[in-house]
């Protein structure tokens, strides 16, 4: 059951039932606000947290995972009733998630990325509570969280690109990029086309995988530069590129799918443009959620369910995880393309001053 699809459908029905004209008919171009930026981030972050904690619970039972009960309760509350804690619901979720990641360790190999995001939330709350901001404390928190997430993603992509600059990464027989590209090509393409792209029988030189390391490094460097750019148009284009990049990393069948990593990075894009994402969710959330529930999730379930035992890390949630990544990636892209955000105004004013 895709809880995100349920949320989108429920929100759409709420909008349709409550936004009425004096004649009792729905008013066009009028939508109720769903959630504030901080409860909205807590709502979607709870999805990523549940990707961590539910697989061990299903495999070993609650008795062997008692330390996860507080995090399970808070993430479930943020999921089912995101308005319960108000704007402060993000803080206990991040606090318990940090303790879980530090004490037990994540089954994901991207634990440090999520820990850095958690630390930035703590510093954002501490900075907003100890300093005076003209926009108010809560607005200051979401602004600081968005700025720190954007800069952390830029640093992540730059470090990843710099780390790959070695002779082994450019060798098609050793590079993980070339191996993933080869596996993905055999999974998604017809056998004749995959054979033609992967190898030349006469020379034995890998044609397609030979170029993927260069493409990967170039993409990460460009995304790092775009996220740090003062140009609003370039930053919006970069956010769309980030969504495409991580959807492409998530879609291949296990063990080539990196949807846990993609989920964390796509989640980090939400507070970068909170008003724009809220507007995209308000207008397009129901349609995107229905597509994810009725089309994408069944397709991935039929196509990749038997491959879930090959996942690394062993989330065993490939159909649901990739559906989540695609749906949030689409909403982030629509937000960057169609809707303004106050972060754009703040960025332009700070760069001009």
C-alpha atoms as a PDB file:
ATOM      1  CA  UNK A   1       0.000   0.000   0.000  1.00  0.00           C
ATOM      2  CA  UNK A   2       1.495   3.261  -1.084  1.00  0.00           C
ATOM      3  CA  UNK A   3       0.852   5.672   1.776  1.00  0.00           C
ATOM      4  CA  UNK A   4       2.010   8.587  -0.355  1.00  0.00           C
ATOM      5  CA  UNK A   5      -0.729   7.820  -2.887  1.00  0.00           C
ATOM      6  CA  UNK A   6      -3.280   7.688  -0.067  1.00  0.00           C
ATOM      7  CA  UNK A   7      -2.082  11.051   1.216  1.00  0.00           C
ATOM      8  CA  UNK A   8      -2.308  12.618  -2.216  1.00  0.00           C
ATOM      9  CA  UNK A   9      -5.788  11.241  -2.875  1.00  0.00           C
ATOM     10  CA  UNK A  10      -6.999  12.264   0.586  1.00  0.00           C
ATOM     11  CA  UNK A  11      -5.627  15.771   0.155  1.00  0.00           C
ATOM     12  CA  UNK A  12      -7.225  16.068  -3.258  1.00  0.00           C
ATOM     13  CA  UNK A  13     -10.600  14.992  -1.875  1.00  0.00           C
ATOM     14  CA  UNK A  14     -10.193  17.464   0.986  1.00  0.00           C
ATOM     15  CA  UNK A  15      -9.521  20.274  -1.443  1.00  0.00           C
ATOM     16  CA  UNK A  16     -12.429  19.281  -3.644  1.00  0.00           C
ATOM     17  CA  UNK A  17     -14.886  18.999  -0.782  1.00  0.00           C
ATOM     18  CA  UNK A  18     -13.979  22.130   1.161  1.00  0.00           C
ATOM     19  CA  UNK A  19     -13.114  24.663  -1.539  1.00  0.00           C
ATOM     20  CA  UNK A  20     -16.604  25.534  -2.725  1.00  0.00           C
ATOM     21  CA  UNK A  21     -18.125  28.570  -4.304  1.00  0.00           C
ATOM     22  CA  UNK A  22     -21.342  30.163  -3.115  1.00  0.00           C
ATOM     23  CA  UNK A  23     -23.232  28.015  -5.655  1.00  0.00           C
ATOM     24  CA  UNK A  24     -21.896  24.798  -4.162  1.00  0.00           C
ATOM     25  CA  UNK A  25     -19.517  24.014  -7.016  1.00  0.00           C
ATOM     26  CA  UNK A  26     -15.737  23.699  -6.822  1.00  0.00           C
ATOM     27  CA  UNK A  27     -13.944  26.967  -7.440  1.00  0.00           C
ATOM     28  CA  UNK A  28     -11.241  26.854 -10.083  1.00  0.00           C
ATOM     29  CA  UNK A  29      -7.639  27.654  -9.258  1.00  0.00           C
ATOM     30  CA  UNK A  30      -8.320  27.621  -5.521  1.00  0.00           C
ATOM     31  CA  UNK A  31      -6.524  25.115  -3.309  1.00  0.00           C
ATOM     32  CA  UNK A  32      -6.231  24.749   0.414  1.00  0.00           C
ATOM     33  CA  UNK A  33      -2.764  24.672   1.941  1.00  0.00           C
ATOM     34  CA  UNK A  34      -1.850  21.122   2.888  1.00  0.00           C
ATOM     35  CA  UNK A  35       0.925  21.471   5.453  1.00  0.00           C
ATOM     36  CA  UNK A  36       3.530  23.984   6.455  1.00  0.00           C
ATOM     37  CA  UNK A  37       7.078  23.508   5.142  1.00  0.00           C
ATOM     38  CA  UNK A  38       8.419  21.888   8.326  1.00  0.00           C
ATOM     39  CA  UNK A  39       5.552  19.396   8.889  1.00  0.00           C
ATOM     40  CA  UNK A  40       5.673  18.600   5.178  1.00  0.00           C
ATOM     41  CA  UNK A  41       9.393  17.819   5.385  1.00  0.00           C
ATOM     42  CA  UNK A  42       8.769  15.684   8.495  1.00  0.00           C
ATOM     43  CA  UNK A  43       6.007  13.833   6.643  1.00  0.00           C
ATOM     44  CA  UNK A  44       8.209  12.851   3.720  1.00  0.00           C
ATOM     45  CA  UNK A  45      11.278  12.244   5.900  1.00  0.00           C
ATOM     46  CA  UNK A  46       9.237   9.718   7.884  1.00  0.00           C
ATOM     47  CA  UNK A  47       8.965   7.679   4.661  1.00  0.00           C
ATOM     48  CA  UNK A  48      12.747   7.464   4.375  1.00  0.00           C
ATOM     49  CA  UNK A  49      13.024   6.585   8.061  1.00  0.00           C
ATOM     50  CA  UNK A  50      10.538   3.746   7.622  1.00  0.00           C
ATOM     51  CA  UNK A  51      12.651   2.416   4.736  1.00  0.00           C
ATOM     52  CA  UNK A  52      15.386   1.992   7.376  1.00  0.00           C
ATOM     53  CA  UNK A  53      13.497   0.516  10.280  1.00  0.00           C
ATOM     54  CA  UNK A  54      10.730  -1.629   8.795  1.00  0.00           C
ATOM     55  CA  UNK A  55      12.837  -4.320   7.049  1.00  0.00           C
ATOM     56  CA  UNK A  56      14.625  -5.376  10.288  1.00  0.00           C
ATOM     57  CA  UNK A  57      11.273  -5.410  12.078  1.00  0.00           C
ATOM     58  CA  UNK A  58       9.758  -7.657   9.430  1.00  0.00           C
ATOM     59  CA  UNK A  59      12.741 -10.010   9.447  1.00  0.00           C
ATOM     60  CA  UNK A  60      13.553 -10.226  13.173  1.00  0.00           C
ATOM     61  CA  UNK A  61      10.399  -9.061  14.932  1.00  0.00           C
ATOM     62  CA  UNK A  62       9.769  -6.317  17.453  1.00  0.00           C
ATOM     63  CA  UNK A  63      11.427  -8.196  20.321  1.00  0.00           C
ATOM     64  CA  UNK A  64      14.831  -7.963  18.683  1.00  0.00           C
ATOM     65  CA  UNK A  65      14.373  -4.267  17.796  1.00  0.00           C
ATOM     66  CA  UNK A  66      12.978  -2.661  20.955  1.00  0.00           C
ATOM     67  CA  UNK A  67      15.310   0.324  20.631  1.00  0.00           C
ATOM     68  CA  UNK A  68      13.539   1.341  17.447  1.00  0.00           C
ATOM     69  CA  UNK A  69      10.093   1.655  19.085  1.00  0.00           C
ATOM     70  CA  UNK A  70      10.347   5.422  19.894  1.00  0.00           C
ATOM     71  CA  UNK A  71      11.478   6.222  16.344  1.00  0.00           C
ATOM     72  CA  UNK A  72       8.755   3.983  14.939  1.00  0.00           C
ATOM     73  CA  UNK A  73       6.120   5.810  16.990  1.00  0.00           C
ATOM     74  CA  UNK A  74       7.287   9.318  16.038  1.00  0.00           C
ATOM     75  CA  UNK A  75       7.761   8.503  12.346  1.00  0.00           C
ATOM     76  CA  UNK A  76       4.336   6.845  12.297  1.00  0.00           C
ATOM     77  CA  UNK A  77       2.818   9.938  13.900  1.00  0.00           C
ATOM     78  CA  UNK A  78       4.489  12.216  11.337  1.00  0.00           C
ATOM     79  CA  UNK A  79       3.164   9.928   8.624  1.00  0.00           C
ATOM     80  CA  UNK A  80      -0.441   9.457   9.761  1.00  0.00           C
ATOM     81  CA  UNK A  81      -1.035  12.771  11.541  1.00  0.00           C
ATOM     82  CA  UNK A  82       1.634  15.237  10.361  1.00  0.00           C
ATOM     83  CA  UNK A  83      -0.233  18.170  11.947  1.00  0.00           C
ATOM     84  CA  UNK A  84      -0.098  16.547  15.400  1.00  0.00           C
ATOM     85  CA  UNK A  85       3.264  18.032  16.409  1.00  0.00           C
ATOM     86  CA  UNK A  86       2.916  21.156  14.311  1.00  0.00           C
ATOM     87  CA  UNK A  87       6.076  22.784  13.010  1.00  0.00           C
ATOM     88  CA  UNK A  88       8.155  21.178  15.777  1.00  0.00           C
ATOM     89  CA  UNK A  89       7.458  17.611  14.685  1.00  0.00           C
ATOM     90  CA  UNK A  90      10.595  17.569  12.572  1.00  0.00           C
ATOM     91  CA  UNK A  91      12.848  17.999  15.609  1.00  0.00           C
ATOM     92  CA  UNK A  92      11.939  14.807  17.560  1.00  0.00           C
ATOM     93  CA  UNK A  93      11.926  12.821  14.329  1.00  0.00           C
ATOM     94  CA  UNK A  94      15.431  13.953  13.434  1.00  0.00           C
ATOM     95  CA  UNK A  95      16.656  13.531  17.027  1.00  0.00           C
ATOM     96  CA  UNK A  96      15.482   9.923  17.272  1.00  0.00           C
ATOM     97  CA  UNK A  97      16.651   9.176  13.746  1.00  0.00           C
ATOM     98  CA  UNK A  98      20.128  10.440  14.619  1.00  0.00           C
ATOM     99  CA  UNK A  99      20.246   8.245  17.721  1.00  0.00           C
ATOM    100  CA  UNK A 100      19.095   5.248  15.672  1.00  0.00           C
ATOM    101  CA  UNK A 101      21.692   5.799  12.953  1.00  0.00           C
ATOM    102  CA  UNK A 102      24.489   6.270  15.495  1.00  0.00           C
ATOM    103  CA  UNK A 103      23.626   3.461  17.916  1.00  0.00           C
ATOM    104  CA  UNK A 104      22.390   0.730  15.619  1.00  0.00           C
ATOM    105  CA  UNK A 105      23.719   1.886  12.301  1.00  0.00           C
ATOM    106  CA  UNK A 106      21.754   2.075   9.115  1.00  0.00           C
ATOM    107  CA  UNK A 107      21.382  -0.851   6.753  1.00  0.00           C
ATOM    108  CA  UNK A 108      22.005   1.705   4.051  1.00  0.00           C
ATOM    109  CA  UNK A 109      25.558   2.523   3.046  1.00  0.00           C
ATOM    110  CA  UNK A 110      24.607   6.211   2.851  1.00  0.00           C
ATOM    111  CA  UNK A 111      24.342   6.666   6.601  1.00  0.00           C
ATOM    112  CA  UNK A 112      26.755   9.612   6.671  1.00  0.00           C
ATOM    113  CA  UNK A 113      24.702  11.569   4.156  1.00  0.00           C
ATOM    114  CA  UNK A 114      21.567  11.299   6.257  1.00  0.00           C
ATOM    115  CA  UNK A 115      23.482  12.036   9.463  1.00  0.00           C
ATOM    116  CA  UNK A 116      24.810  15.250   7.921  1.00  0.00           C
ATOM    117  CA  UNK A 117      21.254  16.262   7.034  1.00  0.00           C
ATOM    118  CA  UNK A 118      20.173  15.568  10.611  1.00  0.00           C
ATOM    119  CA  UNK A 119      23.005  17.664  12.025  1.00  0.00           C
ATOM    120  CA  UNK A 120      22.113  20.568   9.737  1.00  0.00           C
ATOM    121  CA  UNK A 121      18.532  20.486  11.047  1.00  0.00           C
ATOM    122  CA  UNK A 122      19.808  20.744  14.641  1.00  0.00           C
ATOM    123  CA  UNK A 123      22.019  23.705  13.801  1.00  0.00           C
ATOM    124  CA  UNK A 124      19.191  25.372  11.885  1.00  0.00           C
ATOM    125  CA  UNK A 125      16.836  25.144  14.865  1.00  0.00           C
ATOM    126  CA  UNK A 126      19.584  26.283  17.262  1.00  0.00           C
ATOM    127  CA  UNK A 127      20.509  29.253  15.068  1.00  0.00           C
ATOM    128  CA  UNK A 128      16.903  30.326  14.590  1.00  0.00           C
ATOM    129  CA  UNK A 129      16.108  30.085  18.311  1.00  0.00           C
ATOM    130  CA  UNK A 130      19.188  31.996  19.453  1.00  0.00           C
ATOM    131  CA  UNK A 131      19.091  34.798  16.880  1.00  0.00           C
ATOM    132  CA  UNK A 132      16.416  37.225  15.798  1.00  0.00           C
ATOM    133  CA  UNK A 133      15.250  37.052  12.186  1.00  0.00           C
ATOM    134  CA  UNK A 134      12.780  39.465  10.573  1.00  0.00           C
ATOM    135  CA  UNK A 135      10.829  36.618   8.943  1.00  0.00           C
ATOM    136  CA  UNK A 136      10.212  34.824  12.239  1.00  0.00           C
ATOM    137  CA  UNK A 137      11.819  31.808  13.867  1.00  0.00           C
ATOM    138  CA  UNK A 138       9.992  29.059  11.995  1.00  0.00           C
ATOM    139  CA  UNK A 139      10.503  30.731   8.635  1.00  0.00           C
ATOM    140  CA  UNK A 140      14.153  31.174   9.568  1.00  0.00           C
ATOM    141  CA  UNK A 141      14.421  27.450  10.341  1.00  0.00           C
ATOM    142  CA  UNK A 142      13.109  26.320   6.965  1.00  0.00           C
ATOM    143  CA  UNK A 143      15.315  28.894   5.196  1.00  0.00           C
ATOM    144  CA  UNK A 144      18.427  27.669   7.025  1.00  0.00           C
ATOM    145  CA  UNK A 145      17.513  24.018   6.439  1.00  0.00           C
ATOM    146  CA  UNK A 146      17.050  24.672   2.715  1.00  0.00           C
ATOM    147  CA  UNK A 147      20.345  26.518   2.389  1.00  0.00           C
ATOM    148  CA  UNK A 148      22.296  23.875   4.300  1.00  0.00           C
ATOM    149  CA  UNK A 149      20.718  20.988   2.368  1.00  0.00           C
ATOM    150  CA  UNK A 150      21.507  22.691  -0.944  1.00  0.00           C
ATOM    151  CA  UNK A 151      25.133  23.262  -0.005  1.00  0.00           C
ATOM    152  CA  UNK A 152      25.512  19.749   1.401  1.00  0.00           C
ATOM    153  CA  UNK A 153      24.217  18.237  -1.827  1.00  0.00           C
ATOM    154  CA  UNK A 154      26.657  20.387  -3.797  1.00  0.00           C
ATOM    155  CA  UNK A 155      29.534  19.268  -1.579  1.00  0.00           C
ATOM    156  CA  UNK A 156      28.407  15.647  -1.861  1.00  0.00           C
ATOM    157  CA  UNK A 157      28.391  15.710  -5.655  1.00  0.00           C
ATOM    158  CA  UNK A 158      31.755  17.468  -5.849  1.00  0.00           C
ATOM    159  CA  UNK A 159      33.416  15.041  -3.421  1.00  0.00           C
ATOM    160  CA  UNK A 160      31.915  12.066  -5.245  1.00  0.00           C
ATOM    161  CA  UNK A 161      33.235  13.365  -8.563  1.00  0.00           C
ATOM    162  CA  UNK A 162      36.672  14.135  -7.137  1.00  0.00           C
ATOM    163  CA  UNK A 163      36.860  10.727  -5.445  1.00  0.00           C
ATOM    164  CA  UNK A 164      36.203   9.009  -8.777  1.00  0.00           C
ATOM    165  CA  UNK A 165      39.177  10.627 -10.505  1.00  0.00           C
ATOM    166  CA  UNK A 166      41.455   7.592 -10.441  1.00  0.00           C
ATOM    167  CA  UNK A 167      42.654   5.138 -13.054  1.00  0.00           C
ATOM    168  CA  UNK A 168      40.503   2.271 -11.767  1.00  0.00           C
ATOM    169  CA  UNK A 169      37.273   4.198 -12.177  1.00  0.00           C
ATOM    170  CA  UNK A 170      37.983   4.832 -15.874  1.00  0.00           C
ATOM    171  CA  UNK A 171      38.712   1.167 -16.597  1.00  0.00           C
ATOM    172  CA  UNK A 172      35.576  -0.508 -18.018  1.00  0.00           C
ATOM    173  CA  UNK A 173      36.556  -3.827 -16.471  1.00  0.00           C
ATOM    174  CA  UNK A 174      36.928  -2.360 -12.941  1.00  0.00           C
ATOM    175  CA  UNK A 175      34.728   0.722 -12.790  1.00  0.00           C
ATOM    176  CA  UNK A 176      31.494   0.376 -10.820  1.00  0.00           C
ATOM    177  CA  UNK A 177      29.950   2.884 -13.214  1.00  0.00           C
ATOM    178  CA  UNK A 178      30.730   0.695 -16.218  1.00  0.00           C
ATOM    179  CA  UNK A 179      29.504  -2.430 -14.465  1.00  0.00           C
ATOM    180  CA  UNK A 180      26.226  -0.802 -13.442  1.00  0.00           C
ATOM    181  CA  UNK A 181      25.743   0.545 -16.968  1.00  0.00           C
ATOM    182  CA  UNK A 182      26.337  -2.921 -18.411  1.00  0.00           C
ATOM    183  CA  UNK A 183      23.898  -4.574 -16.011  1.00  0.00           C
ATOM    184  CA  UNK A 184      21.272  -1.905 -16.631  1.00  0.00           C
ATOM    185  CA  UNK A 185      21.626  -2.217 -20.396  1.00  0.00           C
ATOM    186  CA  UNK A 186      21.097  -5.977 -20.249  1.00  0.00           C
ATOM    187  CA  UNK A 187      18.035  -5.453 -18.020  1.00  0.00           C
ATOM    188  CA  UNK A 188      16.279  -2.713 -19.971  1.00  0.00           C
ATOM    189  CA  UNK A 189      17.336  -3.093 -23.612  1.00  0.00           C
ATOM    190  CA  UNK A 190      16.684  -5.816 -26.185  1.00  0.00           C
ATOM    191  CA  UNK A 191      19.478  -8.415 -26.206  1.00  0.00           C
ATOM    192  CA  UNK A 192      20.707  -7.481 -29.684  1.00  0.00           C
ATOM    193  CA  UNK A 193      20.968  -3.774 -28.855  1.00  0.00           C
ATOM    194  CA  UNK A 194      22.576  -4.461 -25.483  1.00  0.00           C
ATOM    195  CA  UNK A 195      25.198  -6.708 -27.096  1.00  0.00           C
ATOM    196  CA  UNK A 196      25.958  -4.053 -29.710  1.00  0.00           C
ATOM    197  CA  UNK A 197      26.405  -1.323 -27.085  1.00  0.00           C
ATOM    198  CA  UNK A 198      28.361  -3.322 -24.553  1.00  0.00           C
ATOM    199  CA  UNK A 199      31.109  -4.976 -26.552  1.00  0.00           C
ATOM    200  CA  UNK A 200      32.771  -5.271 -29.912  1.00  0.00           C
ATOM    201  CA  UNK A 201      33.460  -8.949 -30.572  1.00  0.00           C
ATOM    202  CA  UNK A 202      36.542  -8.192 -32.700  1.00  0.00           C
ATOM    203  CA  UNK A 203      38.353  -5.793 -30.396  1.00  0.00           C
ATOM    204  CA  UNK A 204      36.760  -6.669 -27.067  1.00  0.00           C
ATOM    205  CA  UNK A 205      36.548  -2.967 -26.196  1.00  0.00           C
ATOM    206  CA  UNK A 206      33.521  -1.883 -24.211  1.00  0.00           C
ATOM    207  CA  UNK A 207      31.920   0.898 -26.226  1.00  0.00           C
ATOM    208  CA  UNK A 208      29.026   1.980 -24.022  1.00  0.00           C
ATOM    209  CA  UNK A 209      30.508   1.417 -20.516  1.00  0.00           C
ATOM    210  CA  UNK A 210      33.718   3.211 -21.538  1.00  0.00           C
ATOM    211  CA  UNK A 211      31.888   6.538 -21.668  1.00  0.00           C
ATOM    212  CA  UNK A 212      29.789   6.194 -18.508  1.00  0.00           C
ATOM    213  CA  UNK A 213      32.569   7.185 -16.032  1.00  0.00           C
ATOM    214  CA  UNK A 214      33.096  10.456 -17.904  1.00  0.00           C
ATOM    215  CA  UNK A 215      29.370  11.123 -18.062  1.00  0.00           C
ATOM    216  CA  UNK A 216      28.975  10.410 -14.348  1.00  0.00           C
ATOM    217  CA  UNK A 217      31.819  12.702 -13.278  1.00  0.00           C
ATOM    218  CA  UNK A 218      30.657  15.503 -15.591  1.00  0.00           C
ATOM    219  CA  UNK A 219      27.076  15.249 -14.302  1.00  0.00           C
ATOM    220  CA  UNK A 220      28.135  15.420 -10.657  1.00  0.00           C
ATOM    221  CA  UNK A 221      30.437  18.399 -11.224  1.00  0.00           C
ATOM    222  CA  UNK A 222      27.743  20.266 -13.149  1.00  0.00           C
ATOM    223  CA  UNK A 223      25.142  19.566 -10.448  1.00  0.00           C
ATOM    224  CA  UNK A 224      27.529  20.776  -7.742  1.00  0.00           C
ATOM    225  CA  UNK A 225      28.179  23.995  -9.648  1.00  0.00           C
ATOM    226  CA  UNK A 226      24.504  24.564 -10.413  1.00  0.00           C
ATOM    227  CA  UNK A 227      23.383  24.154  -6.808  1.00  0.00           C
ATOM    228  CA  UNK A 228      25.934  26.735  -5.653  1.00  0.00           C
ATOM    229  CA  UNK A 229      25.165  29.156  -8.471  1.00  0.00           C
ATOM    230  CA  UNK A 230      23.539  32.508  -7.720  1.00  0.00           C
ATOM    231  CA  UNK A 231      21.511  32.248 -10.932  1.00  0.00           C
ATOM    232  CA  UNK A 232      17.942  31.299 -10.072  1.00  0.00           C
ATOM    233  CA  UNK A 233      17.302  29.859 -13.525  1.00  0.00           C
ATOM    234  CA  UNK A 234      20.426  27.686 -13.388  1.00  0.00           C
ATOM    235  CA  UNK A 235      19.599  26.515  -9.887  1.00  0.00           C
ATOM    236  CA  UNK A 236      16.084  25.515 -10.933  1.00  0.00           C
ATOM    237  CA  UNK A 237      17.472  23.665 -13.948  1.00  0.00           C
ATOM    238  CA  UNK A 238      19.965  21.916 -11.680  1.00  0.00           C
ATOM    239  CA  UNK A 239      17.214  20.743  -9.331  1.00  0.00           C
ATOM    240  CA  UNK A 240      15.450  19.153 -12.300  1.00  0.00           C
ATOM    241  CA  UNK A 241      18.742  17.543 -13.349  1.00  0.00           C
ATOM    242  CA  UNK A 242      19.211  16.178  -9.831  1.00  0.00           C
ATOM    243  CA  UNK A 243      15.784  14.518  -9.995  1.00  0.00           C
ATOM    244  CA  UNK A 244      16.563  12.934 -13.377  1.00  0.00           C
ATOM    245  CA  UNK A 245      19.961  11.757 -12.151  1.00  0.00           C
ATOM    246  CA  UNK A 246      18.571  10.041  -9.065  1.00  0.00           C
ATOM    247  CA  UNK A 247      15.583   8.523 -10.853  1.00  0.00           C
ATOM    248  CA  UNK A 248      18.041   6.982 -13.321  1.00  0.00           C
ATOM    249  CA  UNK A 249      20.045   5.583 -10.393  1.00  0.00           C
ATOM    250  CA  UNK A 250      16.906   4.142  -8.801  1.00  0.00           C
ATOM    251  CA  UNK A 251      15.066   2.512 -11.735  1.00  0.00           C
ATOM    252  CA  UNK A 252      17.509  -0.320 -12.645  1.00  0.00           C
ATOM    253  CA  UNK A 253      16.646  -3.671 -11.132  1.00  0.00           C
ATOM    254  CA  UNK A 254      18.549  -4.838  -8.039  1.00  0.00           C
ATOM    255  CA  UNK A 255      21.432  -5.094  -7.404  1.00  0.00           C
ATOM    256  CA  UNK A 256      21.976  -2.081  -9.703  1.00  0.00           C
ATOM    257  CA  UNK A 257      19.292   0.081  -8.085  1.00  0.00           C
ATOM    258  CA  UNK A 258      20.381   2.822  -5.694  1.00  0.00           C
ATOM    259  CA  UNK A 259      16.923   3.977  -4.655  1.00  0.00           C
ATOM    260  CA  UNK A 260      17.807   4.359  -0.910  1.00  0.00           C
ATOM    261  CA  UNK A 261      20.521   6.854  -1.853  1.00  0.00           C
ATOM    262  CA  UNK A 262      18.220   8.528  -4.372  1.00  0.00           C
ATOM    263  CA  UNK A 263      15.461   8.812  -1.765  1.00  0.00           C
ATOM    264  CA  UNK A 264      17.728  10.682   0.656  1.00  0.00           C
ATOM    265  CA  UNK A 265      19.001  13.122  -1.990  1.00  0.00           C
ATOM    266  CA  UNK A 266      15.560  13.772  -3.486  1.00  0.00           C
ATOM    267  CA  UNK A 267      14.192  14.339   0.019  1.00  0.00           C
ATOM    268  CA  UNK A 268      16.934  16.938   0.591  1.00  0.00           C
ATOM    269  CA  UNK A 269      15.659  18.922  -2.408  1.00  0.00           C
ATOM    270  CA  UNK A 270      12.244  19.596  -0.830  1.00  0.00           C
ATOM    271  CA  UNK A 271      13.292  22.384   1.600  1.00  0.00           C
ATOM    272  CA  UNK A 272      15.430  24.039  -1.076  1.00  0.00           C
ATOM    273  CA  UNK A 273      12.196  25.398  -2.609  1.00  0.00           C
ATOM    274  CA  UNK A 274       9.541  24.764   0.073  1.00  0.00           C
ATOM    275  CA  UNK A 275       6.808  27.085  -1.229  1.00  0.00           C
ATOM    276  CA  UNK A 276       7.239  25.838  -4.783  1.00  0.00           C
ATOM    277  CA  UNK A 277       7.110  22.195  -3.668  1.00  0.00           C
ATOM    278  CA  UNK A 278       3.995  22.866  -1.578  1.00  0.00           C
ATOM    279  CA  UNK A 279       2.331  24.469  -4.586  1.00  0.00           C
ATOM    280  CA  UNK A 280       3.266  21.551  -6.847  1.00  0.00           C
ATOM    281  CA  UNK A 281       1.972  19.066  -4.275  1.00  0.00           C
ATOM    282  CA  UNK A 282      -1.250  21.029  -3.861  1.00  0.00           C
ATOM    283  CA  UNK A 283      -1.980  21.194  -7.574  1.00  0.00           C
ATOM    284  CA  UNK A 284      -0.427  17.994  -8.944  1.00  0.00           C
ATOM    285  CA  UNK A 285      -0.087  15.744  -5.897  1.00  0.00           C
ATOM    286  CA  UNK A 286      -3.280  13.786  -6.464  1.00  0.00           C
ATOM    287  CA  UNK A 287      -2.530  12.990 -10.114  1.00  0.00           C
ATOM    288  CA  UNK A 288       1.073  12.058  -9.378  1.00  0.00           C
ATOM    289  CA  UNK A 289       0.029   9.873  -6.462  1.00  0.00           C
ATOM    290  CA  UNK A 290      -2.654   8.079  -8.498  1.00  0.00           C
ATOM    291  CA  UNK A 291      -0.099   7.438 -11.229  1.00  0.00           C
ATOM    292  CA  UNK A 292       2.315   6.039  -8.659  1.00  0.00           C
ATOM    293  CA  UNK A 293      -0.307   3.806  -7.061  1.00  0.00           C
ATOM    294  CA  UNK A 294      -2.186   2.534 -10.106  1.00  0.00           C
ATOM    295  CA  UNK A 295       0.501   2.491 -12.808  1.00  0.00           C
ATOM    296  CA  UNK A 296       4.061   2.750 -11.560  1.00  0.00           C
ATOM    297  CA  UNK A 297       3.904   0.626  -8.403  1.00  0.00           C
ATOM    298  CA  UNK A 298       2.100  -2.344 -10.070  1.00  0.00           C
ATOM    299  CA  UNK A 299       4.509  -2.189 -13.025  1.00  0.00           C
ATOM    300  CA  UNK A 300       7.583  -2.207 -10.801  1.00  0.00           C
ATOM    301  CA  UNK A 301       6.022  -4.862  -8.583  1.00  0.00           C
ATOM    302  CA  UNK A 302       5.476  -7.120 -11.603  1.00  0.00           C
ATOM    303  CA  UNK A 303       8.891  -6.343 -13.083  1.00  0.00           C
ATOM    304  CA  UNK A 304      11.166  -6.282 -10.068  1.00  0.00           C
ATOM    305  CA  UNK A 305       9.596  -8.171  -7.174  1.00  0.00           C
ATOM    306  CA  UNK A 306      11.623 -11.306  -7.793  1.00  0.00           C
ATOM    307  CA  UNK A 307      14.811  -9.222  -7.755  1.00  0.00           C
ATOM    308  CA  UNK A 308      14.299  -7.742  -4.276  1.00  0.00           C
ATOM    309  CA  UNK A 309      16.382 -10.477  -2.622  1.00  0.00           C
ATOM    310  CA  UNK A 310      19.377  -9.104  -4.554  1.00  0.00           C
ATOM    311  CA  UNK A 311      19.065  -5.592  -3.096  1.00  0.00           C
ATOM    312  CA  UNK A 312      21.958  -3.882  -1.379  1.00  0.00           C
ATOM    313  CA  UNK A 313      21.197  -2.632   1.206  1.00  0.00           C
ATOM    314  CA  UNK A 314      18.551  -5.336   1.793  1.00  0.00           C
ATOM    315  CA  UNK A 315      15.481  -3.111   2.066  1.00  0.00           C
ATOM    316  CA  UNK A 316      13.400  -5.513  -0.065  1.00  0.00           C
ATOM    317  CA  UNK A 317      11.186  -2.569  -0.992  1.00  0.00           C
ATOM    318  CA  UNK A 318      12.200  -2.004  -4.625  1.00  0.00           C
ATOM    319  CA  UNK A 319       8.691  -1.419  -6.114  1.00  0.00           C
ATOM    320  CA  UNK A 320       7.591   0.933  -3.327  1.00  0.00           C
ATOM    321  CA  UNK A 321      10.947   2.697  -3.011  1.00  0.00           C
ATOM    322  CA  UNK A 322      11.349   3.434  -6.707  1.00  0.00           C
ATOM    323  CA  UNK A 323       7.709   4.569  -6.945  1.00  0.00           C
ATOM    324  CA  UNK A 324       8.390   7.003  -4.096  1.00  0.00           C
ATOM    325  CA  UNK A 325      11.569   8.305  -5.733  1.00  0.00           C
ATOM    326  CA  UNK A 326       9.836   8.857  -9.079  1.00  0.00           C
ATOM    327  CA  UNK A 327       6.775  10.564  -7.570  1.00  0.00           C
ATOM    328  CA  UNK A 328       8.762  12.965  -5.371  1.00  0.00           C
ATOM    329  CA  UNK A 329      11.195  13.573  -8.229  1.00  0.00           C
ATOM    330  CA  UNK A 330       8.306  14.555 -10.508  1.00  0.00           C
ATOM    331  CA  UNK A 331       6.910  16.927  -7.873  1.00  0.00           C
ATOM    332  CA  UNK A 332      10.326  18.495  -7.283  1.00  0.00           C
ATOM    333  CA  UNK A 333      10.742  18.972 -11.028  1.00  0.00           C
ATOM    334  CA  UNK A 334       7.299  20.561 -11.399  1.00  0.00           C
ATOM    335  CA  UNK A 335       8.078  22.827  -8.444  1.00  0.00           C
ATOM    336  CA  UNK A 336      11.345  23.971 -10.009  1.00  0.00           C
ATOM    337  CA  UNK A 337       9.804  24.547 -13.439  1.00  0.00           C
ATOM    338  CA  UNK A 338       6.405  26.070 -12.720  1.00  0.00           C
ATOM    339  CA  UNK A 339       6.242  27.653  -9.276  1.00  0.00           C
ATOM    340  CA  UNK A 340       8.111  30.458  -7.494  1.00  0.00           C
ATOM    341  CA  UNK A 341       9.659  30.139  -4.067  1.00  0.00           C
ATOM    342  CA  UNK A 342      10.655  32.655  -1.425  1.00  0.00           C
ATOM    343  CA  UNK A 343      14.109  31.087  -1.454  1.00  0.00           C
ATOM    344  CA  UNK A 344      14.585  32.535  -4.938  1.00  0.00           C
ATOM    345  CA  UNK A 345      13.813  36.039  -3.684  1.00  0.00           C
ATOM    346  CA  UNK A 346      16.158  35.673  -0.718  1.00  0.00           C
ATOM    347  CA  UNK A 347      18.934  34.333  -2.937  1.00  0.00           C
ATOM    348  CA  UNK A 348      18.612  37.113  -5.465  1.00  0.00           C
ATOM    349  CA  UNK A 349      18.519  39.824  -2.797  1.00  0.00           C
ATOM    350  CA  UNK A 350      21.543  38.414  -0.987  1.00  0.00           C
ATOM    351  CA  UNK A 351      23.540  38.103  -4.218  1.00  0.00           C
ATOM    352  CA  UNK A 352      22.684  41.647  -5.290  1.00  0.00           C
ATOM    353  CA  UNK A 353      23.678  43.072  -1.921  1.00  0.00           C
END
